[in-house]
């Protein structure tokens, strides 16, 4: 499948230089960038270490700090 894209002169020059430094052509760099973007789209951006974190065992639960609070007001601006 073929596409035409239009880049401003500065972006085009930067792309050409980056592709040259990577030893690839511009189409390969653009193709990889689109593939990486599509792979990330819709997936969590947090690292697995953050997603799997279940807390520190010696720390009290966050909700435990709410025990001294009264019930919420019906009017949030009251």
Protein backbone atom coordinates (compact mmCIF):
# COMPACT_ATOMS: atom_id res chain seq x y z
CA UNK A 1 0.00 0.00 0.00
CA UNK A 2 1.35 3.42 -0.90
CA UNK A 3 0.75 6.73 0.86
CA UNK A 4 1.93 10.27 0.29
CA UNK A 5 2.76 12.37 3.31
CA UNK A 6 3.78 15.98 3.40
CA UNK A 7 6.35 17.22 5.90
CA UNK A 8 7.61 20.71 6.49
CA UNK A 9 11.19 21.33 5.36
CA UNK A 10 12.70 21.13 8.86
CA UNK A 11 10.97 17.84 9.70
CA UNK A 12 11.92 16.38 6.34
CA UNK A 13 15.57 17.34 6.79
CA UNK A 14 15.63 15.89 10.30
CA UNK A 15 14.04 12.67 9.04
CA UNK A 16 16.58 12.39 6.23
CA UNK A 17 19.47 12.89 8.65
CA UNK A 18 18.07 10.44 11.23
CA UNK A 19 17.52 7.80 8.56
CA UNK A 20 21.06 8.30 7.26
CA UNK A 21 22.49 7.92 10.78
CA UNK A 22 20.44 4.74 11.28
CA UNK A 23 21.61 3.35 7.95
CA UNK A 24 18.02 3.12 6.68
CA UNK A 25 15.94 4.92 4.13
CA UNK A 26 13.21 7.37 5.11
CA UNK A 27 10.41 4.96 4.17
CA UNK A 28 11.80 2.31 6.53
CA UNK A 29 12.01 4.83 9.39
CA UNK A 30 8.46 6.06 8.77
CA UNK A 31 7.14 2.49 8.47
CA UNK A 32 8.78 1.50 11.79
CA UNK A 33 7.49 4.63 13.51
CA UNK A 34 3.92 3.92 12.37
CA UNK A 35 4.20 0.25 13.42
CA UNK A 36 5.46 1.26 16.89
CA UNK A 37 2.71 3.86 17.24
CA UNK A 38 0.04 1.34 16.28
CA UNK A 39 1.47 -1.24 18.70
CA UNK A 40 1.28 1.27 21.58
CA UNK A 41 -2.15 2.61 20.68
CA UNK A 42 -4.78 1.43 23.12
CA UNK A 43 -2.33 -0.34 25.42
CA UNK A 44 -1.47 0.85 28.90
CA UNK A 45 1.43 3.27 29.03
CA UNK A 46 2.48 2.26 32.53
CA UNK A 47 5.39 -0.17 32.86
CA UNK A 48 4.58 -3.70 34.05
CA UNK A 49 6.34 -3.00 37.37
CA UNK A 50 3.80 -0.25 38.10
CA UNK A 51 0.80 -2.24 36.88
CA UNK A 52 1.70 -5.25 39.03
CA UNK A 53 2.53 -3.23 42.18
CA UNK A 54 0.23 -4.29 45.01
CA UNK A 55 1.52 -1.97 47.71
CA UNK A 56 3.88 -2.14 50.62
CA UNK A 57 2.80 -4.73 53.20
CA UNK A 58 3.79 -2.56 56.17
CA UNK A 59 1.96 0.54 54.92
CA UNK A 60 -1.63 1.03 56.09
CA UNK A 61 -4.24 1.00 53.36
CA UNK A 62 -5.01 4.43 51.89
CA UNK A 63 -8.65 4.10 52.86
CA UNK A 64 -7.66 3.69 56.54
CA UNK A 65 -6.91 7.42 56.63
CA UNK A 66 -10.54 8.22 55.89
CA UNK A 67 -11.91 6.82 59.16
CA UNK A 68 -11.86 10.24 60.86
CA UNK A 69 -13.76 11.95 58.02
CA UNK A 70 -17.47 12.62 58.28
CA UNK A 71 -19.98 11.67 55.60
CA UNK A 72 -19.84 13.58 52.32
CA UNK A 73 -22.12 16.58 51.93
CA UNK A 74 -24.97 16.26 49.46
CA UNK A 75 -23.89 19.61 47.98
CA UNK A 76 -20.22 19.41 46.99
CA UNK A 77 -19.93 23.21 47.24
CA UNK A 78 -21.34 23.41 50.77
